[in-house]
PDB file of N, CA and C in Angstrom:
ATOM      1  N   MET A   1      60.095-182.482  35.687  1.00  0.00           N
ATOM      2  CA  MET A   1      59.775-181.823  36.700  1.00  0.00           C
ATOM      3  C   MET A   1      61.284-180.284  37.217  1.00  0.00           C
ATOM      4  N   SER A   2      61.092-179.617  36.571  1.00  0.00           N
ATOM      5  CA  SER A   2      62.666-178.458  36.974  1.00  0.00           C
ATOM      6  C   SER A   2      62.167-177.740  37.986  1.00  0.00           C
ATOM      7  N   GLU A   3      63.200-176.886  38.407  1.00  0.00           N
ATOM      8  CA  GLU A   3      62.789-176.205  39.306  1.00  0.00           C
ATOM      9  C   GLU A   3      63.360-174.437  38.842  1.00  0.00           C
ATOM     10  N   GLN A   4      62.797-173.047  38.420  1.00  0.00           N
ATOM     11  CA  GLN A   4      63.648-172.636  38.209  1.00  0.00           C
ATOM     12  C   GLN A   4      63.148-171.495  38.500  1.00  0.00           C
ATOM     13  N   ASP A   5      63.953-170.171  39.125  1.00  0.00           N
ATOM     14  CA  ASP A   5      63.209-168.703  40.494  1.00  0.00           C
ATOM     15  C   ASP A   5      62.690-169.495  41.248  1.00  0.00           C
ATOM     16  N   ASP A   6      62.296-170.417  42.086  1.00  0.00           N
ATOM     17  CA  ASP A   6      61.330-170.814  42.919  1.00  0.00           C
ATOM     18  C   ASP A   6      60.377-171.363  42.441  1.00  0.00           C
ATOM     19  N   ALA A   7      59.950-171.559  41.653  1.00  0.00           N
ATOM     20  CA  ALA A   7      58.466-172.040  41.120  1.00  0.00           C
ATOM     21  C   ALA A   7      59.230-173.606  40.224  1.00  0.00           C
ATOM     22  N   VAL A   8      58.148-174.608  40.365  1.00  0.00           N
ATOM     23  CA  VAL A   8      58.193-175.611  40.295  1.00  0.00           C
ATOM     24  C   VAL A   8      56.958-175.744  38.952  1.00  0.00           C
ATOM     25  N   HIS A   9      58.116-176.453  37.646  1.00  0.00           N
ATOM     26  CA  HIS A   9      57.241-176.474  36.333  1.00  0.00           C
ATOM     27  C   HIS A   9      57.081-178.161  35.985  1.00  0.00           C
ATOM     28  N   ILE A  10      55.972-178.548  36.274  1.00  0.00           N
ATOM     29  CA  ILE A  10      55.919-180.275  35.927  1.00  0.00           C
ATOM     30  C   ILE A  10      54.910-180.442  34.374  1.00  0.00           C
ATOM     31  N   GLU A  11      55.417-181.525  33.938  1.00  0.00           N
ATOM     32  CA  GLU A  11      54.783-181.690  32.707  1.00  0.00           C
ATOM     33  C   GLU A  11      53.294-182.045  33.055  1.00  0.00           C
ATOM     34  N   THR A  12      52.763-181.673  31.416  1.00  0.00           N
ATOM     35  CA  THR A  12      51.555-181.903  32.371  1.00  0.00           C
ATOM     36  C   THR A  12      50.756-183.102  32.133  1.00  0.00           C
ATOM     37  N   ASP A  13      51.750-184.451  31.699  1.00  0.00           N
ATOM     38  CA  ASP A  13      50.770-185.776  31.643  1.00  0.00           C
ATOM     39  C   ASP A  13      50.986-185.997  33.148  1.00  0.00           C
ATOM     40  N   ALA A  14      52.616-185.649  33.559  1.00  0.00           N
ATOM     41  CA  ALA A  14      53.031-186.603  34.980  1.00  0.00           C
ATOM     42  C   ALA A  14      51.663-185.190  36.093  1.00  0.00           C
ATOM     43  N   ALA A  15      51.515-183.718  35.955  1.00  0.00           N
ATOM     44  CA  ALA A  15      50.550-183.525  36.917  1.00  0.00           C
ATOM     45  C   ALA A  15      48.860-184.098  36.871  1.00  0.00           C
ATOM     46  N   ARG A  16      48.763-184.469  35.429  1.00  0.00           N
ATOM     47  CA  ARG A  16      47.577-185.230  35.217  1.00  0.00           C
ATOM     48  C   ARG A  16      47.221-186.398  36.356  1.00  0.00           C
ATOM     49  N   GLY A  17      48.648-187.478  35.739  1.00  0.00           N
ATOM     50  CA  GLY A  17      48.428-188.553  36.764  1.00  0.00           C
ATOM     51  C   GLY A  17      47.878-189.751  35.428  1.00  0.00           C
ATOM     52  N   SER A  18      48.102-189.204  34.397  1.00  0.00           N
ATOM     53  CA  SER A  18      47.700-189.812  32.835  1.00  0.00           C
ATOM     54  C   SER A  18      47.586-188.915  31.299  1.00  0.00           C
ATOM     55  N   VAL A  19      46.873-189.816  30.411  1.00  0.00           N
ATOM     56  CA  VAL A  19      47.984-189.365  29.194  1.00  0.00           C
ATOM     57  C   VAL A  19      45.965-188.586  28.900  1.00  0.00           C
ATOM     58  N   SER A  20      45.856-187.747  28.340  1.00  0.00           N
ATOM     59  CA  SER A  20      44.079-187.130  28.089  1.00  0.00           C
ATOM     60  C   SER A  20      43.792-188.150  26.738  1.00  0.00           C
ATOM     61  N   HIS A  21      42.839-188.292  26.839  1.00  0.00           N
ATOM     62  CA  HIS A  21      41.878-189.095  25.764  1.00  0.00           C
ATOM     63  C   HIS A  21      41.117-188.145  24.875  1.00  0.00           C
ATOM     64  N   THR A  22      40.933-188.535  23.543  1.00  0.00           N
ATOM     65  CA  THR A  22      40.223-187.572  22.910  1.00  0.00           C
ATOM     66  C   THR A  22      38.517-188.383  22.827  1.00  0.00           C
ATOM     67  N   GLY A  23      38.668-189.373  22.593  1.00  0.00           N
ATOM     68  CA  GLY A  23      37.371-190.014  23.055  1.00  0.00           C
ATOM     69  C   GLY A  23      36.593-189.635  24.091  1.00  0.00           C
ATOM     70  N   LEU A  24      37.055-189.239  25.001  1.00  0.00           N
ATOM     71  CA  LEU A  24      35.823-189.199  25.836  1.00  0.00           C
ATOM     72  C   LEU A  24      35.181-188.057  25.554  1.00  0.00           C
ATOM     73  N   ARG A  25      35.618-186.876  24.724  1.00  0.00           N
ATOM     74  CA  ARG A  25      34.776-185.703  24.175  1.00  0.00           C
ATOM     75  C   ARG A  25      33.562-186.559  23.574  1.00  0.00           C
ATOM     76  N   TYR A  26      33.936-187.199  22.877  1.00  0.00           N
ATOM     77  CA  TYR A  26      32.993-187.769  22.153  1.00  0.00           C
ATOM     78  C   TYR A  26      31.544-188.258  22.863  1.00  0.00           C
ATOM     79  N   VAL A  27      32.244-189.021  23.484  1.00  0.00           N
ATOM     80  CA  VAL A  27      31.121-189.464  24.308  1.00  0.00           C
ATOM     81  C   VAL A  27      30.039-188.268  25.340  1.00  0.00           C
ATOM     82  N   LEU A  28      30.826-187.665  25.974  1.00  0.00           N
ATOM     83  CA  LEU A  28      29.982-186.772  26.397  1.00  0.00           C
ATOM     84  C   LEU A  28      28.860-185.622  25.442  1.00  0.00           C
ATOM     85  N   GLY A  29      29.840-185.687  24.515  1.00  0.00           N
ATOM     86  CA  GLY A  29      29.163-185.465  23.147  1.00  0.00           C
ATOM     87  C   GLY A  29      27.861-185.997  22.752  1.00  0.00           C
ATOM     88  N   PHE A  30      27.871-187.157  22.757  1.00  0.00           N
ATOM     89  CA  PHE A  30      26.956-187.991  22.274  1.00  0.00           C
ATOM     90  C   PHE A  30      26.301-187.964  23.697  1.00  0.00           C
ATOM     91  N   SER A  31      26.521-188.497  24.797  1.00  0.00           N
ATOM     92  CA  SER A  31      25.471-188.204  25.668  1.00  0.00           C
ATOM     93  C   SER A  31      24.676-186.888  25.778  1.00  0.00           C
ATOM     94  N   LEU A  32      24.976-186.206  26.064  1.00  0.00           N
ATOM     95  CA  LEU A  32      24.431-184.674  25.749  1.00  0.00           C
ATOM     96  C   LEU A  32      23.514-184.681  25.005  1.00  0.00           C
ATOM     97  N   ALA A  33      24.019-184.687  23.506  1.00  0.00           N
ATOM     98  CA  ALA A  33      22.995-184.744  22.505  1.00  0.00           C
ATOM     99  C   ALA A  33      21.354-185.736  22.749  1.00  0.00           C
ATOM    100  N   PHE A  34      22.070-187.271  23.220  1.00  0.00           N
ATOM    101  CA  PHE A  34      20.960-187.977  23.634  1.00  0.00           C
ATOM    102  C   PHE A  34      20.039-187.791  24.832  1.00  0.00           C
ATOM    103  N   ALA A  35      20.391-186.996  25.667  1.00  0.00           N
ATOM    104  CA  ALA A  35      20.015-186.470  26.744  1.00  0.00           C
ATOM    105  C   ALA A  35      19.176-185.229  26.341  1.00  0.00           C
ATOM    106  N   VAL A  36      19.383-184.588  25.568  1.00  0.00           N
ATOM    107  CA  VAL A  36      18.302-183.294  25.333  1.00  0.00           C
ATOM    108  C   VAL A  36      17.429-184.097  24.205  1.00  0.00           C
ATOM    109  N   ILE A  37      17.796-184.642  23.190  1.00  0.00           N
ATOM    110  CA  ILE A  37      16.708-185.453  22.825  1.00  0.00           C
ATOM    111  C   ILE A  37      15.406-186.246  23.081  1.00  0.00           C
ATOM    112  N   ALA A  38      16.450-187.036  24.312  1.00  0.00           N
ATOM    113  CA  ALA A  38      15.458-187.326  24.749  1.00  0.00           C
ATOM    114  C   ALA A  38      14.443-187.357  26.033  1.00  0.00           C
ATOM    115  N   MET A  39      14.991-185.676  26.670  1.00  0.00           N
ATOM    116  CA  MET A  39      13.504-185.117  27.470  1.00  0.00           C
ATOM    117  C   MET A  39      12.865-184.340  26.399  1.00  0.00           C
ATOM    118  N   SER A  40      13.135-183.675  25.213  1.00  0.00           N
ATOM    119  CA  SER A  40      12.216-183.339  23.624  1.00  0.00           C
ATOM    120  C   SER A  40      11.394-184.002  23.373  1.00  0.00           C
ATOM    121  N   ALA A  41      12.011-185.474  23.501  1.00  0.00           N
ATOM    122  CA  ALA A  41      10.877-186.487  23.147  1.00  0.00           C
ATOM    123  C   ALA A  41       9.397-186.672  24.561  1.00  0.00           C
ATOM    124  N   VAL A  42      10.013-186.586  25.298  1.00  0.00           N
ATOM    125  CA  VAL A  42       9.285-186.774  26.570  1.00  0.00           C
ATOM    126  C   VAL A  42       8.564-185.312  26.953  1.00  0.00           C
ATOM    127  N   TRP A  43       8.563-184.243  26.281  1.00  0.00           N
ATOM    128  CA  TRP A  43       8.152-183.283  26.725  1.00  0.00           C
ATOM    129  C   TRP A  43       7.012-182.708  25.255  1.00  0.00           C
ATOM    130  N   ILE A  44       7.465-183.340  24.060  1.00  0.00           N
ATOM    131  CA  ILE A  44       6.586-182.781  23.555  1.00  0.00           C
ATOM    132  C   ILE A  44       5.757-184.036  22.624  1.00  0.00           C
ATOM    133  N   ILE A  45       6.415-184.958  22.861  1.00  0.00           N
ATOM    134  CA  ILE A  45       4.697-186.208  22.648  1.00  0.00           C
ATOM    135  C   ILE A  45       3.829-186.501  23.130  1.00  0.00           C
ATOM    136  N   PRO A  46       4.085-186.114  24.226  1.00  0.00           N
ATOM    137  CA  PRO A  46       2.324-186.018  25.314  1.00  0.00           C
ATOM    138  C   PRO A  46       2.376-184.185  24.865  1.00  0.00           C
ATOM    139  N   ALA A  47       2.606-183.503  24.643  1.00  0.00           N
ATOM    140  CA  ALA A  47       2.030-182.343  24.035  1.00  0.00           C
ATOM    141  C   ALA A  47       1.444-182.545  22.477  1.00  0.00           C
ATOM    142  N   LEU A  48       1.950-183.285  22.257  1.00  0.00           N
ATOM    143  CA  LEU A  48       0.859-183.442  20.434  1.00  0.00           C
ATOM    144  C   LEU A  48      -0.143-184.582  20.750  1.00  0.00           C
ATOM    145  N   TRP A  49      -0.489-185.236  21.435  1.00  0.00           N
ATOM    146  CA  TRP A  49      -1.470-186.386  21.763  1.00  0.00           C
ATOM    147  C   TRP A  49      -2.401-185.330  22.769  1.00  0.00           C
ATOM    148  N   GLY A  50      -2.380-184.464  23.473  1.00  0.00           N
ATOM    149  CA  GLY A  50      -2.966-183.794  24.605  1.00  0.00           C
ATOM    150  C   GLY A  50      -3.548-182.814  24.461  1.00  0.00           C
TER     151      GLY A  50
END
């Protein structure tokens, strides 16, 4: 942390309190894709048989 001209500058990791992990992006992406596929199946399959 440093102070320059009455502004406080904090490193990104210190401000977040942790290190950002890229694996979380993949988990969220796969979860979103699964949710879209599952919701589409729930809508399409009964429409084909009904």
